[in-house]
C-alpha atoms as a PDB file:
ATOM      1  CA  MET A   1      -1.652  16.333  -1.356  1.00  0.00           C
ATOM      2  CA  ASP A   2       0.952  17.443  -3.757  1.00  0.00           C
ATOM      3  CA  ARG A   3       4.823  16.831  -3.324  1.00  0.00           C
ATOM      4  CA  GLN A   4       5.534  20.368  -2.285  1.00  0.00           C
ATOM      5  CA  GLU A   5       3.118  20.416   0.572  1.00  0.00           C
ATOM      6  CA  TYR A   6       4.390  17.062   1.839  1.00  0.00           C
ATOM      7  CA  ILE A   7       7.959  18.162   1.805  1.00  0.00           C
ATOM      8  CA  LYS A   8       7.015  21.296   3.641  1.00  0.00           C
ATOM      9  CA  LEU A   9       5.515  19.185   6.438  1.00  0.00           C
ATOM     10  CA  ALA A  10       8.392  16.591   6.323  1.00  0.00           C
ATOM     11  CA  GLN A  11      11.207  19.159   6.913  1.00  0.00           C
ATOM     12  CA  PRO A  12      10.117  20.196  10.274  1.00  0.00           C
ATOM     13  CA  ALA A  13       9.226  16.729  11.328  1.00  0.00           C
ATOM     14  CA  GLY A  14      12.766  15.726  10.383  1.00  0.00           C
ATOM     15  CA  ALA A  15      14.086  18.392  12.670  1.00  0.00           C
ATOM     16  CA  LYS A  16      11.961  16.937  15.455  1.00  0.00           C
ATOM     17  CA  PHE A  17      13.395  13.506  14.676  1.00  0.00           C
ATOM     18  CA  ALA A  18      16.952  15.015  14.930  1.00  0.00           C
ATOM     19  CA  VAL A  19      16.201  16.563  18.298  1.00  0.00           C
ATOM     20  CA  TYR A  20      14.548  13.521  19.913  1.00  0.00           C
ATOM     21  CA  GLY A  21      16.611  11.001  18.207  1.00  0.00           C
ATOM     22  CA  LEU A  22      15.496   7.426  19.082  1.00  0.00           C
ATOM     23  CA  ASP A  23      12.947   8.822  21.556  1.00  0.00           C
ATOM     24  CA  TRP A  24      11.077  10.739  18.886  1.00  0.00           C
ATOM     25  CA  GLU A  25       7.731   9.171  20.114  1.00  0.00           C
ATOM     26  CA  ARG A  26       8.088  11.641  23.179  1.00  0.00           C
ATOM     27  CA  ALA A  27       7.872  14.701  20.921  1.00  0.00           C
ATOM     28  CA  ALA A  28       4.417  16.432  20.937  1.00  0.00           C
ATOM     29  CA  TRP A  29       2.784  16.579  17.449  1.00  0.00           C
ATOM     30  CA  LYS A  30       0.062  19.013  16.432  1.00  0.00           C
ATOM     31  CA  GLU A  31      -2.652  17.758  14.053  1.00  0.00           C
ATOM     32  CA  SER A  32      -1.387  20.566  11.588  1.00  0.00           C
ATOM     33  CA  GLU A  33       2.066  18.701  11.547  1.00  0.00           C
ATOM     34  CA  LEU A  34       0.507  15.455  10.378  1.00  0.00           C
ATOM     35  CA  VAL A  35      -0.709  13.688   7.462  1.00  0.00           C
ATOM     36  CA  GLU A  36      -3.803  11.295   7.057  1.00  0.00           C
ATOM     37  CA  PHE A  37      -3.566   7.949   5.601  1.00  0.00           C
ATOM     38  CA  ASP A  38      -6.429   5.370   5.651  1.00  0.00           C
ATOM     39  CA  GLY A  39      -8.162   7.232   8.332  1.00  0.00           C
ATOM     40  CA  ARG A  40      -5.376   7.573  10.823  1.00  0.00           C
ATOM     41  CA  LEU A  41      -2.842  10.224  11.465  1.00  0.00           C
ATOM     42  CA  TYR A  42       0.857   9.872  10.709  1.00  0.00           C
ATOM     43  CA  ILE A  43       4.164  11.660  10.982  1.00  0.00           C
ATOM     44  CA  PRO A  44       5.368  12.711   7.454  1.00  0.00           C
ATOM     45  CA  ARG A  45       9.105  11.713   7.248  1.00  0.00           C
ATOM     46  CA  THR A  46      10.418  10.744   4.048  1.00  0.00           C
ATOM     47  CA  TYR A  47       9.713  11.488   0.298  1.00  0.00           C
ATOM     48  CA  ILE A  48      10.576   8.827  -2.184  1.00  0.00           C
ATOM     49  CA  LEU A  49      10.935   9.142  -5.919  1.00  0.00           C
ATOM     50  CA  ASP A  50      11.210   5.789  -7.697  1.00  0.00           C
ATOM     51  CA  PHE A  51      10.945   4.946 -11.412  1.00  0.00           C
ATOM     52  CA  LEU A  52       9.004   1.834 -12.705  1.00  0.00           C
ATOM     53  CA  GLY A  53       8.674   2.804 -16.237  1.00  0.00           C
ATOM     54  CA  ARG A  54       7.494   6.176 -15.134  1.00  0.00           C
ATOM     55  CA  PRO A  55       8.091   8.301 -12.028  1.00  0.00           C
ATOM     56  CA  ILE A  56       6.471   7.079  -8.894  1.00  0.00           C
ATOM     57  CA  HIS A  57       5.979   9.408  -6.031  1.00  0.00           C
ATOM     58  CA  GLY A  58       5.954   7.816  -2.687  1.00  0.00           C
ATOM     59  CA  VAL A  59       6.298   8.529   1.014  1.00  0.00           C
ATOM     60  CA  ARG A  60       7.433   6.863   4.329  1.00  0.00           C
ATOM     61  CA  ILE A  61       5.192   7.949   7.145  1.00  0.00           C
ATOM     62  CA  TYR A  62       5.600   7.167  10.855  1.00  0.00           C
ATOM     63  CA  ASP A  63       2.838   5.924  13.332  1.00  0.00           C
ATOM     64  CA  ARG A  64       2.922   8.182  16.425  1.00  0.00           C
ATOM     65  CA  LYS A  65       2.199   5.281  18.860  1.00  0.00           C
ATOM     66  CA  ALA A  66       3.222   2.011  17.365  1.00  0.00           C
ATOM     67  CA  ASN A  67       6.876   2.698  16.576  1.00  0.00           C
ATOM     68  CA  SER A  68       6.458   1.744  12.974  1.00  0.00           C
ATOM     69  CA  CYS A  69       6.662   3.134   9.519  1.00  0.00           C
ATOM     70  CA  ILE A  70       4.613   2.574   6.359  1.00  0.00           C
ATOM     71  CA  GLU A  71       5.666   3.357   2.656  1.00  0.00           C
ATOM     72  CA  THR A  72       2.825   4.153   0.477  1.00  0.00           C
ATOM     73  CA  GLY A  73       2.046   6.312  -2.586  1.00  0.00           C
ATOM     74  CA  LEU A  74       1.875  10.186  -2.197  1.00  0.00           C
ATOM     75  CA  ASP A  75      -1.516  10.003  -3.929  1.00  0.00           C
ATOM     76  CA  LYS A  76      -2.927   8.229  -1.005  1.00  0.00           C
ATOM     77  CA  ILE A  77      -1.882  10.734   1.551  1.00  0.00           C
ATOM     78  CA  LYS A  78      -4.161  13.557   2.618  1.00  0.00           C
ATOM     79  CA  LYS A  79      -3.635  16.967   4.419  1.00  0.00           C
ATOM     80  CA  VAL A  80      -5.143  16.905   7.957  1.00  0.00           C
ATOM     81  CA  GLU A  81      -8.142  19.341   8.064  1.00  0.00           C
ATOM     82  CA  GLU A  82      -8.229  21.493  11.156  1.00  0.00           C
ATOM     83  CA  GLN A  83     -11.060  20.675  13.589  1.00  0.00           C
ATOM     84  CA  ILE A  84     -13.206  23.737  14.199  1.00  0.00           C
ATOM     85  CA  LYS A  85     -13.828  23.953  17.941  1.00  0.00           C
END
């Protein structure tokens, strides 16, 4: 996933966080609104640009059920492929 794709997903997710506030876990999330990391689905929330001798593109993603977040590299995030039903 590239930076633009991630940001396009994170913007509407941010709007849901704004509407639901601390109760964001109540929001209904479609698979098309989520990203995949390590075989699990997460809510894309924050894009992070850091510099450690070179630009490092990172993200903060939220677990839909565990009320927790993970920071990882953008290169480890995948777009969720729609399931054909």
